[in-house]
PDB file of all heavy atoms in Angstrom:
ATOM      1  N   ARG A   1      13.889 -84.876 -73.231  1.00  0.00           N
ATOM      2  CA  ARG A   1      12.555 -84.769 -72.792  1.00  0.00           C
ATOM      3  C   ARG A   1      12.155 -85.913 -71.762  1.00  0.00           C
ATOM      4  O   ARG A   1      11.460 -85.696 -70.707  1.00  0.00           O
ATOM      5  CB  ARG A   1      11.501 -84.681 -73.879  1.00  0.00           C
ATOM      6  CG  ARG A   1      11.494 -83.365 -74.658  1.00  0.00           C
ATOM      7  CD  ARG A   1      10.497 -83.440 -75.754  1.00  0.00           C
ATOM      8  NE  ARG A   1       9.135 -83.683 -75.307  1.00  0.00           N
ATOM      9  CZ  ARG A   1       8.194 -84.158 -76.116  1.00  0.00           C
ATOM     10  NH1 ARG A   1       8.387 -84.422 -77.333  1.00  0.00           N
ATOM     11  NH2 ARG A   1       6.884 -84.410 -75.559  1.00  0.00           N
ATOM     12  N   LEU A   2      12.514 -87.116 -72.147  1.00  0.00           N
ATOM     13  CA  LEU A   2      12.046 -88.220 -71.329  1.00  0.00           C
ATOM     14  C   LEU A   2      12.531 -88.235 -69.973  1.00  0.00           C
ATOM     15  O   LEU A   2      11.766 -88.223 -68.979  1.00  0.00           O
ATOM     16  CB  LEU A   2      12.343 -89.531 -72.125  1.00  0.00           C
ATOM     17  CG  LEU A   2      11.958 -90.850 -71.367  1.00  0.00           C
ATOM     18  CD1 LEU A   2      10.486 -90.924 -70.963  1.00  0.00           C
ATOM     19  CD2 LEU A   2      12.380 -92.008 -72.202  1.00  0.00           C
ATOM     20  N   PRO A   3      13.804 -88.243 -69.785  1.00  0.00           N
ATOM     21  CA  PRO A   3      14.352 -88.286 -68.343  1.00  0.00           C
ATOM     22  C   PRO A   3      14.075 -86.974 -67.655  1.00  0.00           C
ATOM     23  O   PRO A   3      13.760 -86.945 -66.494  1.00  0.00           O
ATOM     24  CB  PRO A   3      15.824 -88.603 -68.501  1.00  0.00           C
ATOM     25  CG  PRO A   3      16.188 -88.150 -69.914  1.00  0.00           C
ATOM     26  CD  PRO A   3      14.959 -88.371 -70.716  1.00  0.00           C
ATOM     27  N   ALA A   4      14.294 -85.819 -68.381  1.00  0.00           N
ATOM     28  CA  ALA A   4      14.168 -84.602 -67.591  1.00  0.00           C
ATOM     29  C   ALA A   4      12.670 -84.379 -67.206  1.00  0.00           C
ATOM     30  O   ALA A   4      12.386 -83.879 -66.123  1.00  0.00           O
ATOM     31  CB  ALA A   4      14.516 -83.446 -68.613  1.00  0.00           C
ATOM     32  N   GLY A   5      11.674 -84.728 -68.083  1.00  0.00           N
ATOM     33  CA  GLY A   5      10.268 -84.562 -67.725  1.00  0.00           C
ATOM     34  C   GLY A   5       9.901 -85.541 -66.664  1.00  0.00           C
ATOM     35  O   GLY A   5       9.087 -85.113 -65.677  1.00  0.00           O
ATOM     36  N   SER A   6      10.469 -86.783 -66.642  1.00  0.00           N
ATOM     37  CA  SER A   6      10.198 -87.751 -65.597  1.00  0.00           C
ATOM     38  C   SER A   6      10.755 -87.271 -64.261  1.00  0.00           C
ATOM     39  O   SER A   6      10.058 -87.411 -63.258  1.00  0.00           O
ATOM     40  CB  SER A   6      10.742 -89.110 -65.957  1.00  0.00           C
ATOM     41  OG  SER A   6      10.188 -89.575 -67.124  1.00  0.00           O
ATOM     42  N   TYR A   7      11.965 -86.697 -64.292  1.00  0.00           N
ATOM     43  CA  TYR A   7      12.561 -86.183 -63.052  1.00  0.00           C
ATOM     44  C   TYR A   7      11.717 -84.968 -62.536  1.00  0.00           C
ATOM     45  O   TYR A   7      11.536 -84.855 -61.289  1.00  0.00           O
ATOM     46  CB  TYR A   7      13.943 -85.706 -63.276  1.00  0.00           C
ATOM     47  CG  TYR A   7      14.979 -86.781 -63.565  1.00  0.00           C
ATOM     48  CD1 TYR A   7      16.110 -86.556 -64.223  1.00  0.00           C
ATOM     49  CD2 TYR A   7      14.736 -88.145 -63.150  1.00  0.00           C
ATOM     50  CE1 TYR A   7      17.049 -87.513 -64.421  1.00  0.00           C
ATOM     51  CE2 TYR A   7      15.551 -89.137 -63.365  1.00  0.00           C
ATOM     52  CZ  TYR A   7      16.771 -88.845 -64.002  1.00  0.00           C
ATOM     53  OH  TYR A   7      17.661 -89.857 -64.281  1.00  0.00           O
ATOM     54  N   ALA A   8      11.210 -84.104 -63.452  1.00  0.00           N
ATOM     55  CA  ALA A   8      10.399 -82.928 -62.948  1.00  0.00           C
ATOM     56  C   ALA A   8       9.088 -83.460 -62.299  1.00  0.00           C
ATOM     57  O   ALA A   8       8.624 -82.938 -61.319  1.00  0.00           O
ATOM     58  CB  ALA A   8      10.146 -82.087 -64.184  1.00  0.00           C
ATOM     59  N   ALA A   9       8.477 -84.458 -62.955  1.00  0.00           N
ATOM     60  CA  ALA A   9       7.192 -84.941 -62.383  1.00  0.00           C
ATOM     61  C   ALA A   9       7.503 -85.651 -60.999  1.00  0.00           C
ATOM     62  O   ALA A   9       6.637 -85.584 -60.059  1.00  0.00           O
ATOM     63  CB  ALA A   9       6.549 -85.993 -63.314  1.00  0.00           C
ATOM     64  N   THR A  10       8.654 -86.351 -60.949  1.00  0.00           N
ATOM     65  CA  THR A  10       9.019 -86.956 -59.614  1.00  0.00           C
ATOM     66  C   THR A  10       9.281 -85.922 -58.598  1.00  0.00           C
ATOM     67  O   THR A  10       8.919 -86.093 -57.429  1.00  0.00           O
ATOM     68  CB  THR A  10      10.311 -87.843 -59.838  1.00  0.00           C
ATOM     69  OG1 THR A  10       9.985 -88.845 -60.815  1.00  0.00           O
ATOM     70  CG2 THR A  10      10.595 -88.589 -58.524  1.00  0.00           C
ATOM     71  N   LEU A  11       9.903 -84.855 -58.927  1.00  0.00           N
ATOM     72  CA  LEU A  11      10.187 -83.661 -58.049  1.00  0.00           C
ATOM     73  C   LEU A  11       8.841 -83.173 -57.484  1.00  0.00           C
ATOM     74  O   LEU A  11       8.722 -82.920 -56.270  1.00  0.00           O
ATOM     75  CB  LEU A  11      11.019 -82.656 -58.748  1.00  0.00           C
ATOM     76  CG  LEU A  11      11.380 -81.451 -57.858  1.00  0.00           C
ATOM     77  CD1 LEU A  11      12.782 -80.896 -58.281  1.00  0.00           C
ATOM     78  CD2 LEU A  11      10.428 -80.312 -57.824  1.00  0.00           C
ATOM     79  N   THR A  12       7.866 -82.906 -58.313  1.00  0.00           N
ATOM     80  CA  THR A  12       6.591 -82.352 -57.784  1.00  0.00           C
ATOM     81  C   THR A  12       5.864 -83.401 -57.006  1.00  0.00           C
ATOM     82  O   THR A  12       5.160 -82.970 -56.041  1.00  0.00           O
ATOM     83  CB  THR A  12       5.712 -81.840 -59.018  1.00  0.00           C
ATOM     84  OG1 THR A  12       5.577 -82.878 -59.960  1.00  0.00           O
ATOM     85  CG2 THR A  12       6.291 -80.633 -59.722  1.00  0.00           C
ATOM     86  N   ALA A  13       6.065 -84.721 -57.305  1.00  0.00           N
ATOM     87  CA  ALA A  13       5.461 -85.743 -56.452  1.00  0.00           C
ATOM     88  C   ALA A  13       6.000 -85.671 -55.126  1.00  0.00           C
ATOM     89  O   ALA A  13       5.277 -85.842 -54.053  1.00  0.00           O
ATOM     90  CB  ALA A  13       5.624 -87.016 -57.170  1.00  0.00           C
ATOM     91  N   GLY A  14       7.334 -85.516 -54.966  1.00  0.00           N
ATOM     92  CA  GLY A  14       8.048 -85.431 -53.656  1.00  0.00           C
ATOM     93  C   GLY A  14       7.507 -84.217 -52.946  1.00  0.00           C
ATOM     94  O   GLY A  14       7.386 -84.292 -51.669  1.00  0.00           O
ATOM     95  N   LEU A  15       7.316 -83.111 -53.648  1.00  0.00           N
ATOM     96  CA  LEU A  15       6.747 -81.964 -53.012  1.00  0.00           C
ATOM     97  C   LEU A  15       5.435 -82.208 -52.335  1.00  0.00           C
ATOM     98  O   LEU A  15       5.062 -81.778 -51.191  1.00  0.00           O
ATOM     99  CB  LEU A  15       6.709 -80.828 -54.046  1.00  0.00           C
ATOM    100  CG  LEU A  15       6.351 -79.412 -53.533  1.00  0.00           C
ATOM    101  CD1 LEU A  15       7.064 -78.421 -54.464  1.00  0.00           C
ATOM    102  CD2 LEU A  15       4.864 -79.041 -53.575  1.00  0.00           C
ATOM    103  N   MET A  16       4.521 -82.925 -53.085  1.00  0.00           N
ATOM    104  CA  MET A  16       3.138 -83.186 -52.547  1.00  0.00           C
ATOM    105  C   MET A  16       3.271 -84.082 -51.311  1.00  0.00           C
ATOM    106  O   MET A  16       2.577 -83.817 -50.332  1.00  0.00           O
ATOM    107  CB  MET A  16       2.337 -83.909 -53.626  1.00  0.00           C
ATOM    108  CG  MET A  16       1.798 -83.046 -54.757  1.00  0.00           C
ATOM    109  SD  MET A  16       0.717 -83.942 -55.840  1.00  0.00           S
ATOM    110  CE  MET A  16       1.922 -84.714 -56.948  1.00  0.00           C
ATOM    111  N   VAL A  17       4.081 -85.143 -51.426  1.00  0.00           N
ATOM    112  CA  VAL A  17       4.166 -86.148 -50.271  1.00  0.00           C
ATOM    113  C   VAL A  17       4.662 -85.421 -49.000  1.00  0.00           C
ATOM    114  O   VAL A  17       4.081 -85.641 -47.875  1.00  0.00           O
ATOM    115  CB  VAL A  17       5.115 -87.208 -50.689  1.00  0.00           C
ATOM    116  CG1 VAL A  17       5.373 -88.139 -49.461  1.00  0.00           C
ATOM    117  CG2 VAL A  17       4.456 -88.110 -51.731  1.00  0.00           C
ATOM    118  N   ILE A  18       5.677 -84.624 -49.102  1.00  0.00           N
ATOM    119  CA  ILE A  18       6.184 -83.918 -47.925  1.00  0.00           C
ATOM    120  C   ILE A  18       5.238 -82.998 -47.285  1.00  0.00           C
ATOM    121  O   ILE A  18       5.089 -82.851 -46.064  1.00  0.00           O
ATOM    122  CB  ILE A  18       7.602 -83.225 -48.160  1.00  0.00           C
ATOM    123  CG1 ILE A  18       8.326 -83.044 -46.876  1.00  0.00           C
ATOM    124  CG2 ILE A  18       7.402 -81.906 -48.943  1.00  0.00           C
ATOM    125  CD1 ILE A  18       8.727 -84.182 -46.123  1.00  0.00           C
ATOM    126  N   GLY A  19       4.474 -82.215 -48.175  1.00  0.00           N
ATOM    127  CA  GLY A  19       3.490 -81.297 -47.673  1.00  0.00           C
ATOM    128  C   GLY A  19       2.412 -82.042 -46.868  1.00  0.00           C
ATOM    129  O   GLY A  19       1.982 -81.552 -45.804  1.00  0.00           O
ATOM    130  N   LEU A  20       1.934 -83.149 -47.459  1.00  0.00           N
ATOM    131  CA  LEU A  20       0.933 -83.939 -46.761  1.00  0.00           C
ATOM    132  C   LEU A  20       1.437 -84.626 -45.388  1.00  0.00           C
ATOM    133  O   LEU A  20       0.832 -84.508 -44.420  1.00  0.00           O
ATOM    134  CB  LEU A  20       0.412 -84.937 -47.604  1.00  0.00           C
ATOM    135  CG  LEU A  20      -0.946 -85.594 -47.252  1.00  0.00           C
ATOM    136  CD1 LEU A  20      -1.995 -84.443 -47.271  1.00  0.00           C
ATOM    137  CD2 LEU A  20      -1.357 -86.651 -48.267  1.00  0.00           C
ATOM    138  N   SER A  21       2.729 -85.095 -45.491  1.00  0.00           N
ATOM    139  CA  SER A  21       3.252 -85.796 -44.336  1.00  0.00           C
ATOM    140  C   SER A  21       3.486 -84.937 -43.143  1.00  0.00           C
ATOM    141  O   SER A  21       3.318 -85.227 -42.019  1.00  0.00           O
ATOM    142  CB  SER A  21       4.569 -86.426 -44.747  1.00  0.00           C
ATOM    143  OG  SER A  21       4.370 -87.417 -45.767  1.00  0.00           O
ATOM    144  N   ILE A  22       3.850 -83.666 -43.450  1.00  0.00           N
ATOM    145  CA  ILE A  22       4.177 -82.602 -42.405  1.00  0.00           C
ATOM    146  C   ILE A  22       2.800 -82.064 -41.834  1.00  0.00           C
ATOM    147  O   ILE A  22       2.644 -82.041 -40.597  1.00  0.00           O
ATOM    148  CB  ILE A  22       5.095 -81.585 -42.801  1.00  0.00           C
ATOM    149  CG1 ILE A  22       6.419 -82.105 -43.212  1.00  0.00           C
ATOM    150  CG2 ILE A  22       5.087 -80.458 -41.803  1.00  0.00           C
ATOM    151  CD1 ILE A  22       7.403 -81.098 -43.795  1.00  0.00           C
ATOM    152  N   TYR A  23       1.928 -81.655 -42.698  1.00  0.00           N
ATOM    153  CA  TYR A  23       0.777 -80.758 -42.272  1.00  0.00           C
ATOM    154  C   TYR A  23      -0.463 -81.543 -42.016  1.00  0.00           C
ATOM    155  O   TYR A  23      -1.338 -81.023 -41.301  1.00  0.00           O
ATOM    156  CB  TYR A  23       0.649 -79.655 -43.264  1.00  0.00           C
ATOM    157  CG  TYR A  23       1.755 -78.726 -43.261  1.00  0.00           C
ATOM    158  CD1 TYR A  23       2.738 -78.795 -44.240  1.00  0.00           C
ATOM    159  CD2 TYR A  23       2.004 -77.856 -42.293  1.00  0.00           C
ATOM    160  CE1 TYR A  23       3.934 -77.935 -44.185  1.00  0.00           C
ATOM    161  CE2 TYR A  23       3.054 -76.991 -42.216  1.00  0.00           C
ATOM    162  CZ  TYR A  23       4.066 -77.065 -43.206  1.00  0.00           C
ATOM    163  OH  TYR A  23       5.152 -76.248 -43.141  1.00  0.00           O
ATOM    164  N   LEU A  24      -0.747 -82.644 -42.577  1.00  0.00           N
ATOM    165  CA  LEU A  24      -2.002 -83.341 -42.283  1.00  0.00           C
ATOM    166  C   LEU A  24      -2.052 -83.826 -40.894  1.00  0.00           C
ATOM    167  O   LEU A  24      -3.093 -83.520 -40.208  1.00  0.00           O
ATOM    168  CB  LEU A  24      -2.128 -84.544 -43.170  1.00  0.00           C
ATOM    169  CG  LEU A  24      -3.411 -85.458 -42.936  1.00  0.00           C
ATOM    170  CD1 LEU A  24      -4.694 -84.541 -43.044  1.00  0.00           C
ATOM    171  CD2 LEU A  24      -3.480 -86.612 -43.913  1.00  0.00           C
ATOM    172  N   PRO A  25      -1.091 -84.480 -40.255  1.00  0.00           N
ATOM    173  CA  PRO A  25      -1.231 -84.856 -38.842  1.00  0.00           C
ATOM    174  C   PRO A  25      -1.372 -83.636 -37.905  1.00  0.00           C
ATOM    175  O   PRO A  25      -2.018 -83.648 -36.996  1.00  0.00           O
ATOM    176  CB  PRO A  25       0.204 -85.595 -38.498  1.00  0.00           C
ATOM    177  CG  PRO A  25       0.593 -86.121 -39.927  1.00  0.00           C
ATOM    178  CD  PRO A  25       0.178 -84.985 -40.866  1.00  0.00           C
ATOM    179  N   ASN A  26      -0.599 -82.597 -38.377  1.00  0.00           N
ATOM    180  CA  ASN A  26      -0.595 -81.308 -37.513  1.00  0.00           C
ATOM    181  C   ASN A  26      -2.043 -80.701 -37.608  1.00  0.00           C
ATOM    182  O   ASN A  26      -2.579 -80.229 -36.498  1.00  0.00           O
ATOM    183  CB  ASN A  26       0.393 -80.260 -38.067  1.00  0.00           C
ATOM    184  CG  ASN A  26       0.575 -79.133 -37.197  1.00  0.00           C
ATOM    185  OD1 ASN A  26       0.803 -79.279 -35.939  1.00  0.00           O
ATOM    186  ND2 ASN A  26       0.507 -77.919 -37.728  1.00  0.00           N
ATOM    187  N   TRP A  27      -2.656 -80.647 -38.723  1.00  0.00           N
ATOM    188  CA  TRP A  27      -3.988 -80.200 -38.894  1.00  0.00           C
ATOM    189  C   TRP A  27      -4.998 -81.043 -38.092  1.00  0.00           C
ATOM    190  O   TRP A  27      -5.909 -80.520 -37.379  1.00  0.00           O
ATOM    191  CB  TRP A  27      -4.342 -80.161 -40.336  1.00  0.00           C
ATOM    192  CG  TRP A  27      -5.799 -79.789 -40.700  1.00  0.00           C
ATOM    193  CD1 TRP A  27      -6.285 -78.463 -40.808  1.00  0.00           C
ATOM    194  CD2 TRP A  27      -7.000 -80.640 -40.778  1.00  0.00           C
ATOM    195  NE1 TRP A  27      -7.594 -78.459 -40.954  1.00  0.00           N
ATOM    196  CE2 TRP A  27      -8.069 -79.793 -40.991  1.00  0.00           C
ATOM    197  CE3 TRP A  27      -7.164 -81.943 -40.687  1.00  0.00           C
ATOM    198  CZ2 TRP A  27      -9.364 -80.272 -41.065  1.00  0.00           C
ATOM    199  CZ3 TRP A  27      -8.421 -82.520 -40.848  1.00  0.00           C
ATOM    200  CH2 TRP A  27      -9.474 -81.679 -41.072  1.00  0.00           C
ATOM    201  N   ALA A  28      -4.838 -82.385 -38.178  1.00  0.00           N
ATOM    202  CA  ALA A  28      -5.730 -83.282 -37.386  1.00  0.00           C
ATOM    203  C   ALA A  28      -5.687 -83.003 -35.889  1.00  0.00           C
ATOM    204  O   ALA A  28      -6.705 -83.115 -35.228  1.00  0.00           O
ATOM    205  CB  ALA A  28      -5.537 -84.706 -37.765  1.00  0.00           C
ATOM    206  N   GLN A  29      -4.468 -82.686 -35.392  1.00  0.00           N
ATOM    207  CA  GLN A  29      -4.395 -82.486 -33.941  1.00  0.00           C
ATOM    208  C   GLN A  29      -4.818 -81.147 -33.542  1.00  0.00           C
ATOM    209  O   GLN A  29      -5.615 -80.935 -32.624  1.00  0.00           O
ATOM    210  CB  GLN A  29      -2.905 -82.691 -33.550  1.00  0.00           C
ATOM    211  CG  GLN A  29      -2.414 -84.154 -33.659  1.00  0.00           C
ATOM    212  CD  GLN A  29      -0.927 -84.338 -33.237  1.00  0.00           C
ATOM    213  OE1 GLN A  29      -0.684 -84.302 -32.038  1.00  0.00           O
ATOM    214  NE2 GLN A  29      -0.061 -84.486 -34.133  1.00  0.00           N
ATOM    215  N   GLN A  30      -4.370 -80.097 -34.246  1.00  0.00           N
ATOM    216  CA  GLN A  30      -4.640 -78.677 -33.807  1.00  0.00           C
ATOM    217  C   GLN A  30      -5.982 -78.178 -34.209  1.00  0.00           C
ATOM    218  O   GLN A  30      -6.561 -77.280 -33.579  1.00  0.00           O
ATOM    219  CB  GLN A  30      -3.540 -77.806 -34.234  1.00  0.00           C
ATOM    220  CG  GLN A  30      -2.168 -78.192 -33.747  1.00  0.00           C
ATOM    221  CD  GLN A  30      -1.187 -77.046 -33.851  1.00  0.00           C
ATOM    222  OE1 GLN A  30      -1.494 -75.810 -33.681  1.00  0.00           O
ATOM    223  NE2 GLN A  30       0.059 -77.395 -34.163  1.00  0.00           N
ATOM    224  N   VAL A  31      -6.578 -78.791 -35.332  1.00  0.00           N
ATOM    225  CA  VAL A  31      -7.832 -78.289 -35.728  1.00  0.00           C
ATOM    226  C   VAL A  31      -8.969 -79.155 -35.315  1.00  0.00           C
ATOM    227  O   VAL A  31      -9.988 -78.714 -34.770  1.00  0.00           O
ATOM    228  CB  VAL A  31      -7.866 -78.098 -37.327  1.00  0.00           C
ATOM    229  CG1 VAL A  31      -9.253 -77.602 -37.742  1.00  0.00           C
ATOM    230  CG2 VAL A  31      -6.835 -77.087 -37.694  1.00  0.00           C
ATOM    231  N   LEU A  32      -8.831 -80.520 -35.506  1.00  0.00           N
ATOM    232  CA  LEU A  32      -9.852 -81.400 -35.146  1.00  0.00           C
ATOM    233  C   LEU A  32      -9.727 -81.827 -33.699  1.00  0.00           C
ATOM    234  O   LEU A  32     -10.704 -82.369 -33.103  1.00  0.00           O
ATOM    235  CB  LEU A  32      -9.795 -82.640 -36.063  1.00  0.00           C
ATOM    236  CG  LEU A  32     -10.120 -82.398 -37.536  1.00  0.00           C
ATOM    237  CD1 LEU A  32     -10.346 -83.806 -38.229  1.00  0.00           C
ATOM    238  CD2 LEU A  32     -11.448 -81.638 -37.718  1.00  0.00           C
ATOM    239  N   GLY A  33      -8.569 -81.647 -33.122  1.00  0.00           N
ATOM    240  CA  GLY A  33      -8.387 -82.052 -31.658  1.00  0.00           C
ATOM    241  C   GLY A  33      -8.108 -83.502 -31.434  1.00  0.00           C
ATOM    242  O   GLY A  33      -8.285 -84.036 -30.353  1.00  0.00           O
ATOM    243  N   LEU A  34      -7.618 -84.192 -32.519  1.00  0.00           N
ATOM    244  CA  LEU A  34      -7.321 -85.593 -32.321  1.00  0.00           C
ATOM    245  C   LEU A  34      -6.037 -85.767 -31.614  1.00  0.00           C
ATOM    246  O   LEU A  34      -5.101 -84.899 -31.662  1.00  0.00           O
ATOM    247  CB  LEU A  34      -7.168 -86.238 -33.765  1.00  0.00           C
ATOM    248  CG  LEU A  34      -8.403 -86.203 -34.686  1.00  0.00           C
ATOM    249  CD1 LEU A  34      -8.142 -86.964 -35.990  1.00  0.00           C
ATOM    250  CD2 LEU A  34      -9.699 -86.871 -33.969  1.00  0.00           C
ATOM    251  N   ASP A  35      -5.761 -86.902 -31.013  1.00  0.00           N
ATOM    252  CA  ASP A  35      -4.504 -87.185 -30.372  1.00  0.00           C
ATOM    253  C   ASP A  35      -3.532 -87.617 -31.447  1.00  0.00           C
ATOM    254  O   ASP A  35      -3.857 -87.818 -32.654  1.00  0.00           O
ATOM    255  CB  ASP A  35      -4.602 -88.209 -29.239  1.00  0.00           C
ATOM    256  CG  ASP A  35      -5.186 -89.571 -29.794  1.00  0.00           C
ATOM    257  OD1 ASP A  35      -4.871 -89.937 -30.989  1.00  0.00           O
ATOM    258  OD2 ASP A  35      -5.767 -90.305 -29.008  1.00  0.00           O
ATOM    259  N   ALA A  36      -2.214 -87.717 -31.056  1.00  0.00           N
ATOM    260  CA  ALA A  36      -1.271 -87.937 -32.030  1.00  0.00           C
ATOM    261  C   ALA A  36      -1.441 -89.366 -32.747  1.00  0.00           C
ATOM    262  O   ALA A  36      -1.084 -89.355 -33.968  1.00  0.00           O
ATOM    263  CB  ALA A  36       0.164 -87.984 -31.323  1.00  0.00           C
ATOM    264  N   VAL A  37      -1.869 -90.330 -32.040  1.00  0.00           N
ATOM    265  CA  VAL A  37      -2.129 -91.659 -32.688  1.00  0.00           C
ATOM    266  C   VAL A  37      -3.118 -91.579 -33.736  1.00  0.00           C
ATOM    267  O   VAL A  37      -2.977 -92.072 -34.907  1.00  0.00           O
ATOM    268  CB  VAL A  37      -2.385 -92.699 -31.619  1.00  0.00           C
ATOM    269  CG1 VAL A  37      -2.795 -94.109 -32.297  1.00  0.00           C
ATOM    270  CG2 VAL A  37      -1.324 -92.839 -30.698  1.00  0.00           C
ATOM    271  N   ALA A  38      -4.361 -90.933 -33.435  1.00  0.00           N
ATOM    272  CA  ALA A  38      -5.391 -90.820 -34.385  1.00  0.00           C
ATOM    273  C   ALA A  38      -4.947 -90.040 -35.638  1.00  0.00           C
ATOM    274  O   ALA A  38      -5.317 -90.292 -36.762  1.00  0.00           O
ATOM    275  CB  ALA A  38      -6.627 -90.231 -33.691  1.00  0.00           C
ATOM    276  N   ALA A  39      -4.206 -88.941 -35.340  1.00  0.00           N
ATOM    277  CA  ALA A  39      -3.790 -88.076 -36.446  1.00  0.00           C
ATOM    278  C   ALA A  39      -2.860 -88.870 -37.404  1.00  0.00           C
ATOM    279  O   ALA A  39      -2.870 -88.671 -38.606  1.00  0.00           O
ATOM    280  CB  ALA A  39      -3.006 -86.868 -35.885  1.00  0.00           C
TER     281      ALA A  39
END
């Protein structure tokens, strides 16, 4: 339970980070109209 559960929680954490890293700058540029630097 200890390592398997920790790995599973680490996996879902990686999922959150990549989702935000890819789509937040894209949303800021295409929806709010910010430039790449501001995004």
